[in-house]
Amino acid sequence: MKIKSLLVCGSMALMGAAFMSCSKDIAFDSEAATQKVKAEYEANFVKKYGAIDPNQTWDLTSMQPTYSLTPEGNSARTITRGTETIEKTITPDFTVEGKVLTWFFTNLRAGDDNTTKGDPFYMTTVEGEPFTIVPIFQGNASKYWELYMHVDGIDNDILVWKKGDQLRYRMEEGGTLTPTGVGQAGVNEKAFEVKAPAISFAGLPQKHKVDFYLKAWTNWDTYTKDNLGNKSSKFSSLKGKMIALKDCEKPGDVPENVEACIIGCEDANGVDDDFEDLAFLVYGKFGINKPDEIFETTTKRYLIEDLGATDDFDFNDIVCDVSQTKKTTIYYTLDTASGKLVKTGQDGPTLISQDAVIRAAGGTIDFTITIGSKGTTKWTKSDYLDVETMYNTGWNGETINYNAELAKFPITDMDWDPETNNITVEVDGRGENQGLQIIEFAKEGTVPMMVAVDKTINWMNERQSVPGPKDPKPWWYEPQE
């Protein structure tokens, strides 16, 4: 059955322009004609981009989930003013004495499995009160990472600090300051003192929830060559990859009468779990809390060609984001001796929802997209939009809105499989060319008409082909050597 309970943004209808886009009449009256169209498309693709490696996959997603305290799109309190109202200031050369490092390494011993010393956590803000983050230690490791802050109710996460940025140390009083780097150059554990940037944030409302994560790459070279950003891994405070140590030794530069804690971070899964790959200090007015529920959301963006033209590779005829959310419930009990909450168990993660959003519709021939193996979730362009209008593809100089929702609907039976990409598109012919063209997710080593990327990857403007391997900044395709 076709879905009727859809959210269709009326304002987006104004963005389309009724032009004959990249579509042309296709003869659908025989299987041979259908195959001829696909053969032309495949030949033109190889001519433009090169021969395809037999091992080339067209699922280009990282499958890195987003962890949150509320389901995505359902934040109880949304900051509508945007991230520009959060004031970020950086003050260089904050001094961290060696005694602070000694305290940190006493509480998190190098090489030990320190997993049991911490639970998933988040921070709550106090209205009108800033807080400051100071990197105090980075280990000697080849991984490159960036520290991010996620504020509940704000779509765009905030980059706090990049590995090695303005972080130096000296081994004795008056000694030379040694810089750290993006590779293996870290802080010596026995440093006399550390000089670091103090990164302060102000402007958040009261009791807003904040969590942190590291976005990590294998090394600096991987980071610089990662055009898609999908070769990274995320290590979140909501997933137990960071440990918050309260009542810590405070550096002398920390003001009196403020809270302070040191957070130890892990940048790999199952290597040593000593949580000493990065340590950062947080001070100011805030609270450290343990979550009762954690939501894990994974999204894939499908970019689809409708074969309206066999020499068009903008992959914007259909842009559809498909997401699934899982929930984990955590249980605690109060330890009367310490007065602290102790984790006693958890349920999940359990799949609770799957949803789809149509972001763009650049073709001018009708289509039906089917999501899931049971065939119960279908969306047809002509049921909700004008078939011959191009929506949100930048036609004729229009600005693309990458957050647009032309339509939003649930996956009825939650039967979308992100591993197999069980999505099909039926493209209808018109006029004398009545018939059906079936487009499926591209198999390994074949010419793609549908690819999957992370939701952070934007689609192309109308009739602007995706960059190939010979372009200054290749996008997602690497041909056979």
Protein backbone atom coordinates (compact mmCIF):
# COMPACT_ATOMS: atom_id res chain seq x y z
CA MET A 1 0.00 0.00 0.00
CA LYS A 2 1.12 3.54 -0.66
CA ILE A 3 1.73 5.84 2.24
CA LYS A 4 -0.70 8.76 2.55
CA SER A 5 0.28 10.14 5.95
CA LEU A 6 3.24 12.15 4.68
CA LEU A 7 4.75 15.49 5.59
CA VAL A 8 5.14 17.41 2.34
CA CYS A 9 6.59 20.89 2.68
CA GLY A 10 4.53 23.28 0.63
CA SER A 11 7.34 25.77 0.44
CA MET A 12 9.49 23.21 -1.32
CA ALA A 13 6.98 22.99 -4.16
CA LEU A 14 7.93 26.55 -5.01
CA MET A 15 11.56 25.53 -5.37
CA GLY A 16 10.85 23.26 -8.34
CA ALA A 17 10.78 24.57 -11.87
CA ALA A 18 8.74 22.78 -14.49
CA PHE A 19 11.50 22.12 -16.94
CA MET A 20 12.38 19.07 -18.95
CA SER A 21 15.47 18.05 -17.00
CA CYS A 22 17.86 15.27 -17.72
CA SER A 23 15.00 12.99 -18.77
CA LYS A 24 14.35 11.80 -22.28
CA ASP A 25 11.85 9.34 -23.68
CA ILE A 26 12.90 5.76 -23.21
CA ALA A 27 11.43 2.86 -25.13
CA PHE A 28 10.02 0.48 -22.57
CA ASP A 29 8.00 -1.68 -24.97
CA SER A 30 10.44 -4.57 -24.78
CA GLU A 31 13.02 -6.03 -22.48
CA ALA A 32 15.60 -5.48 -25.23
CA ALA A 33 14.88 -1.75 -25.30
CA THR A 34 15.19 -1.57 -21.53
CA GLN A 35 18.54 -3.34 -21.60
CA LYS A 36 19.69 -1.04 -24.39
CA VAL A 37 19.14 2.01 -22.19
CA LYS A 38 21.12 0.47 -19.34
CA ALA A 39 23.89 -0.58 -21.72
CA GLU A 40 24.20 2.98 -23.03
CA TYR A 41 24.33 4.31 -19.48
CA GLU A 42 27.00 1.81 -18.46
CA ALA A 43 29.13 2.53 -21.51
CA ASN A 44 28.94 6.28 -20.91
CA PHE A 45 29.82 5.84 -17.25
CA VAL A 46 32.95 3.83 -18.02
CA LYS A 47 33.89 6.28 -20.77
CA LYS A 48 33.73 9.17 -18.30
CA TYR A 49 35.15 7.58 -15.16
CA GLY A 50 37.17 4.55 -16.28
CA ALA A 51 36.86 0.78 -15.93
CA ILE A 52 35.33 -0.48 -12.73
CA ASP A 53 37.31 -2.63 -10.35
CA PRO A 54 35.52 -5.98 -9.76
CA ASN A 55 35.82 -5.35 -6.02
CA GLN A 56 34.34 -1.83 -6.17
CA THR A 57 31.46 -1.47 -3.71
CA TRP A 58 28.87 1.28 -3.97
CA ASP A 59 27.96 1.30 -0.29
CA LEU A 60 30.28 4.13 0.67
CA THR A 61 28.89 4.72 4.14
CA SER A 62 30.85 4.57 7.37
CA MET A 63 27.82 3.21 9.29
CA GLN A 64 28.96 5.25 12.26
CA PRO A 65 25.94 5.70 14.54
CA THR A 66 24.99 8.93 16.26
CA TYR A 67 24.33 8.63 20.00
CA SER A 68 21.87 10.97 21.66
CA LEU A 69 19.74 11.37 24.77
CA THR A 70 16.58 11.91 22.72
CA PRO A 71 15.61 10.35 19.39
CA GLU A 72 16.86 12.41 16.45
CA GLY A 73 14.30 15.03 15.50
CA ASN A 74 12.53 14.75 18.87
CA SER A 75 14.58 16.96 21.17
CA ALA A 76 12.38 18.30 23.93
CA ARG A 77 14.00 21.72 23.84
CA THR A 78 15.40 22.96 20.56
CA ILE A 79 17.74 25.91 20.37
CA THR A 80 16.22 27.69 17.39
CA ARG A 81 18.77 30.47 17.29
CA GLY A 82 21.47 28.18 15.92
CA THR A 83 25.03 27.43 16.91
CA GLU A 84 26.18 30.97 16.16
CA THR A 85 24.71 32.08 19.53
CA ILE A 86 27.07 29.79 21.43
CA GLU A 87 30.16 31.87 22.07
CA LYS A 88 33.46 30.03 21.70
CA THR A 89 36.68 31.68 22.81
CA ILE A 90 40.20 30.23 22.90
CA THR A 91 42.86 31.44 25.33
CA PRO A 92 46.37 30.02 24.70
CA ASP A 93 48.95 28.83 27.23
CA PHE A 94 46.73 27.67 30.06
CA THR A 95 49.13 26.09 32.58
CA VAL A 96 48.62 22.51 33.76
CA GLU A 97 51.08 21.53 36.48
CA GLY A 98 52.75 18.13 36.54
CA LYS A 99 50.86 17.21 39.72
CA VAL A 100 47.63 17.19 37.70
CA LEU A 101 49.07 14.61 35.30
CA THR A 102 50.35 12.56 38.24
CA TRP A 103 46.82 12.54 39.74
CA PHE A 104 45.34 11.48 36.40
CA PHE A 105 47.75 8.58 35.89
CA THR A 106 47.29 7.46 39.49
CA ASN A 107 43.54 7.16 38.97
CA LEU A 108 43.78 5.68 35.45
CA ARG A 109 46.85 3.49 35.38
CA ALA A 110 48.44 3.03 31.97
CA GLY A 111 47.86 -0.43 30.49
CA ASP A 112 45.04 -1.31 32.91
CA ASP A 113 41.52 -2.10 31.77
CA ASN A 114 39.77 0.89 33.32
CA THR A 115 36.35 0.19 31.83
CA THR A 116 34.72 -0.49 35.19
CA LYS A 117 35.71 2.95 36.53
CA GLY A 118 33.18 4.79 34.44
CA ASP A 119 29.69 4.66 32.94
CA PRO A 120 28.16 6.54 30.02
CA PHE A 121 27.71 10.18 31.02
CA TYR A 122 26.60 13.58 29.84
CA MET A 123 26.98 17.10 31.17
CA THR A 124 24.22 19.57 32.05
CA THR A 125 24.73 23.31 31.76
CA VAL A 126 23.83 26.13 34.13
CA GLU A 127 22.15 29.13 32.51
CA GLY A 128 24.40 32.12 32.05
CA GLU A 129 27.47 30.25 33.27
CA PRO A 130 30.29 29.39 30.83
CA PHE A 131 32.40 26.28 31.01
CA THR A 132 35.92 25.67 29.75
CA ILE A 133 37.60 22.66 28.16
CA VAL A 134 41.39 22.23 28.33
CA PRO A 135 43.28 19.34 26.67
CA ILE A 136 45.90 18.30 29.22
CA PHE A 137 47.34 15.10 27.72
CA GLN A 138 47.55 13.20 24.45
CA GLY A 139 49.27 9.86 24.14
CA ASN A 140 51.99 8.73 21.77
CA ALA A 141 49.85 7.10 19.10
CA SER A 142 49.56 7.31 15.33
CA LYS A 143 45.81 7.89 15.32
CA TYR A 144 44.53 11.33 14.44
CA TRP A 145 41.35 12.57 16.09
CA GLU A 146 39.18 15.56 16.75
CA LEU A 147 37.14 16.27 19.89
CA TYR A 148 33.49 17.24 19.31
CA MET A 149 30.71 18.44 21.57
CA HIS A 150 27.05 17.60 20.89
CA VAL A 151 24.44 19.88 22.44
CA ASP A 152 20.95 18.41 22.68
CA GLY A 153 18.65 20.46 20.47
CA ILE A 154 21.34 21.65 18.04
CA ASP A 155 21.76 19.82 14.74
CA ASN A 156 25.39 20.75 14.08
CA ASP A 157 27.99 19.34 16.46
CA ILE A 158 30.70 21.71 17.66
CA LEU A 159 34.39 21.07 17.00
CA VAL A 160 36.19 21.66 20.29
CA TRP A 161 39.81 20.78 19.55
CA LYS A 162 42.07 19.05 17.03
CA LYS A 163 44.88 16.75 18.09
CA GLY A 164 48.15 18.59 18.74
CA ASP A 165 46.69 22.08 18.36
CA GLN A 166 48.61 24.51 20.65
CA LEU A 167 49.45 21.68 23.08
CA ARG A 168 53.04 21.84 24.41
CA TYR A 169 54.94 20.63 27.45
CA ARG A 170 58.28 21.08 29.25
CA MET A 171 60.19 18.55 31.32
CA GLU A 172 61.66 21.00 33.86
CA GLU A 173 61.07 24.49 35.17
CA GLY A 174 62.22 27.02 32.61
CA GLY A 175 62.86 24.26 30.07
CA THR A 176 62.08 24.40 26.37
CA LEU A 177 58.46 23.82 25.40
CA THR A 178 58.08 20.75 23.18
CA PRO A 179 55.16 20.77 20.75
CA THR A 180 52.89 17.79 20.25
CA GLY A 181 51.78 16.71 16.78
CA VAL A 182 49.07 15.11 14.71
CA GLY A 183 50.92 11.80 14.61
CA GLN A 184 52.79 10.02 17.39
CA ALA A 185 54.21 13.05 19.20
CA GLY A 186 52.33 13.22 22.50
CA VAL A 187 52.84 14.67 25.98
CA ASN A 188 55.45 13.04 28.19
CA GLU A 189 53.69 11.46 31.17
CA LYS A 190 56.34 12.89 33.53
CA ALA A 191 56.16 16.44 32.17
CA PHE A 192 56.87 19.27 34.60
CA GLU A 193 54.00 21.28 33.11
CA VAL A 194 51.75 21.49 30.08
CA LYS A 195 50.75 24.60 28.15
CA ALA A 196 47.39 24.18 26.44
CA PRO A 197 44.53 26.16 24.89
CA ALA A 198 41.59 26.92 27.18
CA ILE A 199 38.43 26.64 25.06
CA SER A 200 35.45 28.36 26.70
CA PHE A 201 31.77 28.16 25.75
CA ALA A 202 29.03 30.55 26.82
CA GLY A 203 25.42 31.22 25.83
CA LEU A 204 23.81 27.86 26.52
CA PRO A 205 20.46 27.84 28.35
CA GLN A 206 20.01 26.17 31.72
CA LYS A 207 20.01 22.40 32.07
CA HIS A 208 20.90 21.72 28.46
CA LYS A 209 22.45 18.32 27.88
CA VAL A 210 25.95 18.08 26.42
CA ASP A 211 27.92 14.99 25.44
CA PHE A 212 31.32 14.51 23.83
CA TYR A 213 32.90 12.23 21.26
CA LEU A 214 36.20 11.67 19.49
CA LYS A 215 36.17 11.31 15.73
CA ALA A 216 39.25 9.22 15.01
CA TRP A 217 41.15 8.19 11.87
CA THR A 218 43.82 5.49 11.59
CA ASN A 219 46.50 8.12 11.00
CA TRP A 220 47.07 11.61 9.63
CA ASP A 221 47.47 10.42 6.04
CA THR A 222 44.10 8.62 6.21
CA TYR A 223 42.50 11.81 7.49
CA THR A 224 43.94 14.01 4.73
CA LYS A 225 42.84 11.60 2.00
CA ASP A 226 39.39 10.92 3.45
CA ASN A 227 37.21 13.05 1.18
CA LEU A 228 34.01 11.42 2.38
CA GLY A 229 34.87 11.36 6.08
CA ASN A 230 33.76 7.73 6.19
CA LYS A 231 37.10 6.24 7.24
CA SER A 232 36.72 7.55 10.76
CA SER A 233 35.30 6.05 13.95
CA LYS A 234 33.37 7.73 16.74
CA PHE A 235 34.03 7.18 20.44
CA SER A 236 31.28 8.73 22.54
CA SER A 237 30.80 9.58 26.20
CA LEU A 238 27.31 8.08 25.76
CA LYS A 239 28.80 4.79 24.63
CA GLY A 240 31.19 4.41 27.55
CA LYS A 241 34.33 5.42 25.63
CA MET A 242 35.12 8.25 28.05
CA ILE A 243 35.48 8.28 31.84
CA ALA A 244 34.64 11.36 33.93
CA LEU A 245 36.83 11.67 37.05
CA LYS A 246 35.31 14.07 39.57
CA ASP A 247 37.05 15.69 42.54
CA CYS A 248 40.23 15.88 40.51
CA GLU A 249 43.45 17.74 41.18
CA LYS A 250 42.85 21.27 39.85
CA PRO A 251 45.42 23.30 37.94
CA GLY A 252 46.31 26.60 39.54
CA ASP A 253 44.70 28.52 36.64
CA VAL A 254 41.25 27.15 37.52
CA PRO A 255 39.15 29.75 39.38
CA GLU A 256 37.88 29.09 42.89
CA ASN A 257 34.32 27.90 43.56
CA VAL A 258 33.77 26.12 40.24
CA GLU A 259 33.28 22.46 39.36
CA ALA A 260 36.13 20.57 37.71
CA CYS A 261 36.62 17.08 36.36
CA ILE A 262 39.12 15.31 34.13
CA ILE A 263 37.80 13.15 31.31
CA GLY A 264 39.88 10.26 29.99
CA CYS A 265 39.20 9.07 26.44
CA GLU A 266 39.70 5.88 24.46
CA ASP A 267 40.34 6.13 20.70
CA ALA A 268 40.05 2.45 19.77
CA ASN A 269 37.86 -0.56 20.43
CA GLY A 270 39.18 -3.42 22.54
CA VAL A 271 42.88 -2.48 22.38
CA ASP A 272 43.76 -1.64 25.99
CA ASP A 273 40.78 0.34 27.38
CA ASP A 274 43.00 2.37 29.70
CA PHE A 275 41.26 5.62 28.62
CA GLU A 276 44.53 7.53 28.36
CA ASP A 277 44.65 8.35 24.66
CA LEU A 278 43.37 11.83 25.43
CA ALA A 279 42.62 13.61 28.70
CA PHE A 280 40.83 16.93 28.93
CA LEU A 281 39.84 19.09 31.86
CA VAL A 282 36.38 20.65 32.15
CA TYR A 283 35.75 23.42 34.66
CA GLY A 284 32.92 25.86 35.32
CA LYS A 285 29.30 25.52 36.48
CA PHE A 286 27.88 22.22 35.24
CA GLY A 287 26.68 18.80 36.34
CA ILE A 288 27.82 15.30 35.36
CA ASN A 289 24.91 12.88 34.90
CA LYS A 290 24.30 9.27 33.95
CA PRO A 291 21.69 8.62 31.21
CA ASP A 292 18.69 6.33 31.70
CA GLU A 293 18.14 6.00 27.95
CA ILE A 294 20.52 6.24 25.00
CA PHE A 295 19.37 6.41 21.37
CA GLU A 296 21.59 5.11 18.59
CA THR A 297 20.72 6.34 15.08
CA THR A 298 22.27 5.18 11.81
CA THR A 299 21.48 6.93 8.51
CA LYS A 300 22.27 6.19 4.89
CA ARG A 301 21.76 8.64 2.05
CA TYR A 302 20.76 6.99 -1.23
CA LEU A 303 21.65 8.91 -4.41
CA ILE A 304 19.78 7.58 -7.44
CA GLU A 305 19.81 8.04 -11.21
CA ASP A 306 16.47 7.41 -12.96
CA LEU A 307 18.00 6.69 -16.43
CA GLY A 308 16.14 9.65 -17.90
CA ALA A 309 19.40 10.35 -19.69
CA THR A 310 22.24 7.91 -20.25
CA ASP A 311 25.03 10.51 -20.06
CA ASP A 312 23.90 12.22 -16.84
CA PHE A 313 25.71 11.35 -13.60
CA ASP A 314 24.57 13.99 -11.11
CA PHE A 315 22.87 11.32 -8.95
CA ASN A 316 20.16 13.72 -7.80
CA ASP A 317 17.09 12.34 -9.60
CA ILE A 318 16.12 10.85 -6.23
CA VAL A 319 17.85 11.61 -2.93
CA CYS A 320 16.47 9.62 -0.03
CA ASP A 321 17.77 9.40 3.56
CA VAL A 322 16.86 6.23 5.44
CA SER A 323 17.47 6.00 9.19
CA GLN A 324 16.99 3.53 11.98
CA THR A 325 17.02 4.17 15.72
CA LYS A 326 17.77 1.74 18.53
CA LYS A 327 17.18 2.37 22.23
CA THR A 328 19.22 1.20 25.22
CA THR A 329 17.77 1.48 28.72
CA ILE A 330 20.26 1.54 31.61
CA TYR A 331 19.45 0.65 35.22
CA TYR A 332 21.23 1.93 38.34
CA THR A 333 21.10 1.44 42.06
CA LEU A 334 22.31 3.79 44.79
CA ASP A 335 25.40 2.60 46.62
CA THR A 336 24.77 3.77 50.17
CA ALA A 337 28.42 3.61 51.17
CA SER A 338 29.67 5.96 48.45
CA GLY A 339 26.43 7.80 47.71
CA LYS A 340 26.96 7.10 44.00
CA LEU A 341 24.74 5.50 41.39
CA VAL A 342 26.05 2.10 40.29
CA LYS A 343 25.04 0.54 36.99
CA THR A 344 23.23 -2.76 37.50
CA GLY A 345 22.22 -3.68 33.95
CA GLN A 346 20.71 -2.62 30.67
CA ASP A 347 18.16 -3.60 28.04
CA GLY A 348 18.92 -3.23 24.36
CA PRO A 349 19.89 -1.86 22.00
CA THR A 350 16.41 -2.53 20.57
CA LEU A 351 15.20 -1.33 17.18
CA ILE A 352 12.35 1.14 17.77
CA SER A 353 11.90 2.97 14.46
CA GLN A 354 12.90 3.31 10.81
CA ASP A 355 12.13 6.41 8.75
CA ALA A 356 12.75 7.82 5.30
CA VAL A 357 13.05 11.40 4.03
CA ILE A 358 12.93 12.44 0.38
CA ARG A 359 15.45 15.29 0.08
CA ALA A 360 15.49 15.91 -3.67
CA ALA A 361 13.64 14.80 -6.80
CA GLY A 362 15.50 15.95 -9.89
CA GLY A 363 14.00 13.78 -12.59
CA THR A 364 10.95 14.63 -14.69
CA ILE A 365 9.55 11.12 -15.06
CA ASP A 366 7.43 9.42 -12.44
CA PHE A 367 8.91 6.93 -9.99
CA THR A 368 7.97 4.74 -7.06
CA ILE A 369 10.56 3.97 -4.39
CA THR A 370 10.07 0.81 -2.33
CA ILE A 371 11.96 0.44 0.94
CA GLY A 372 12.21 -2.90 2.73
CA SER A 373 11.80 -6.55 1.79
CA LYS A 374 8.03 -6.83 2.37
CA GLY A 375 7.11 -4.12 -0.12
CA THR A 376 4.73 -2.35 2.26
CA THR A 377 6.57 0.98 2.26
CA LYS A 378 6.21 2.75 -1.08
CA TRP A 379 6.34 6.40 -2.12
CA THR A 380 5.31 7.63 -5.57
CA LYS A 381 6.25 11.08 -6.79
CA SER A 382 3.02 11.70 -8.75
CA ASP A 383 0.90 11.08 -5.62
CA TYR A 384 2.36 14.11 -3.85
CA LEU A 385 4.40 16.23 -6.27
CA ASP A 386 4.30 17.40 -9.86
CA VAL A 387 6.11 14.80 -11.94
CA GLU A 388 7.72 17.22 -14.39
CA THR A 389 9.02 19.61 -11.74
CA MET A 390 12.57 19.28 -10.46
CA TYR A 391 12.77 19.73 -6.70
CA ASN A 392 15.82 20.87 -4.74
CA THR A 393 18.53 20.14 -7.30
CA GLY A 394 19.80 23.66 -7.97
CA TRP A 395 18.18 23.95 -11.39
CA ASN A 396 18.47 27.38 -12.99
CA GLY A 397 20.62 28.76 -10.17
CA GLU A 398 18.29 27.89 -7.31
CA THR A 399 19.94 27.25 -3.94
CA ILE A 400 19.80 23.66 -2.70
CA ASN A 401 18.44 23.19 0.81
CA TYR A 402 20.27 20.09 2.06
CA ASN A 403 17.94 19.85 5.08
CA ALA A 404 14.75 19.97 3.01
CA GLU A 405 12.04 17.39 3.61
CA LEU A 406 9.97 16.97 0.47
CA ALA A 407 8.36 14.03 2.22
CA LYS A 408 8.90 12.13 5.45
CA PHE A 409 7.43 8.76 6.29
CA PRO A 410 7.99 5.68 8.51
CA ILE A 411 9.19 2.32 7.23
CA THR A 412 5.99 0.44 8.00
CA ASP A 413 7.40 -2.93 8.98
CA MET A 414 10.89 -1.71 9.93
CA ASP A 415 12.19 -4.11 7.29
CA TRP A 416 14.90 -1.93 5.77
CA ASP A 417 18.19 -3.81 5.94
CA PRO A 418 21.19 -1.41 5.94
CA GLU A 419 23.49 -4.34 5.17
CA THR A 420 21.76 -5.43 1.95
CA ASN A 421 20.31 -2.02 0.96
CA ASN A 422 16.97 -3.56 0.03
CA ILE A 423 15.60 -0.57 -1.87
CA THR A 424 14.21 -0.58 -5.41
CA VAL A 425 12.94 2.17 -7.71
CA GLU A 426 10.38 1.69 -10.47
CA VAL A 427 10.60 4.36 -13.17
CA ASP A 428 7.55 4.83 -15.40
CA GLY A 429 7.80 5.58 -19.08
CA ARG A 430 5.39 8.02 -20.73
CA GLY A 431 3.68 8.69 -24.04
CA GLU A 432 4.56 6.01 -26.57
CA ASN A 433 7.22 4.68 -24.22
CA GLN A 434 4.92 3.05 -21.69
CA GLY A 435 6.67 0.51 -19.49
CA LEU A 436 8.78 0.04 -16.43
CA GLN A 437 12.46 0.36 -15.58
CA ILE A 438 13.60 -1.32 -12.34
CA ILE A 439 16.60 0.21 -10.54
CA GLU A 440 18.21 -1.71 -7.69
CA PHE A 441 21.17 -1.01 -5.45
CA ALA A 442 24.36 -1.48 -7.45
CA LYS A 443 26.14 -4.79 -7.01
CA GLU A 444 29.86 -4.94 -6.39
CA GLY A 445 31.91 -4.30 -9.52
CA THR A 446 28.97 -3.04 -11.61
CA VAL A 447 28.04 0.40 -12.95
CA PRO A 448 25.93 2.17 -10.30
CA MET A 449 22.53 3.76 -10.73
CA MET A 450 22.06 3.88 -6.95
CA VAL A 451 24.79 4.46 -4.35
CA ALA A 452 24.80 4.95 -0.57
CA VAL A 453 26.79 7.65 1.24
CA ASP A 454 26.82 9.21 4.69
CA LYS A 455 24.17 11.86 5.32
CA THR A 456 26.94 14.46 5.58
CA ILE A 457 27.63 14.06 1.84
CA ASN A 458 25.71 16.56 -0.28
CA TRP A 459 24.34 15.84 -3.73
CA MET A 460 25.30 17.60 -6.95
CA ASN A 461 23.57 20.45 -8.74
CA GLU A 462 21.44 19.59 -11.76
CA ARG A 463 23.48 18.26 -14.70
CA GLN A 464 26.73 18.55 -12.74
CA SER A 465 28.31 15.11 -12.75
CA VAL A 466 29.95 13.79 -9.62
CA PRO A 467 33.71 14.45 -9.62
CA GLY A 468 35.78 11.61 -10.95
CA PRO A 469 39.26 10.32 -10.05
CA LYS A 470 40.99 12.83 -12.31
CA ASP A 471 39.24 15.83 -10.76
CA PRO A 472 41.12 18.00 -8.21
CA LYS A 473 38.93 16.64 -5.41
CA PRO A 474 37.54 13.19 -6.29
CA TRP A 475 34.24 12.38 -4.66
CA TRP A 476 33.48 8.71 -4.19
CA TYR A 477 34.68 6.74 -7.17
CA GLU A 478 38.10 5.18 -7.64
CA PRO A 479 38.44 3.30 -10.96
CA GLN A 480 40.35 0.15 -11.67
CA GLU A 481 44.08 0.79 -12.09
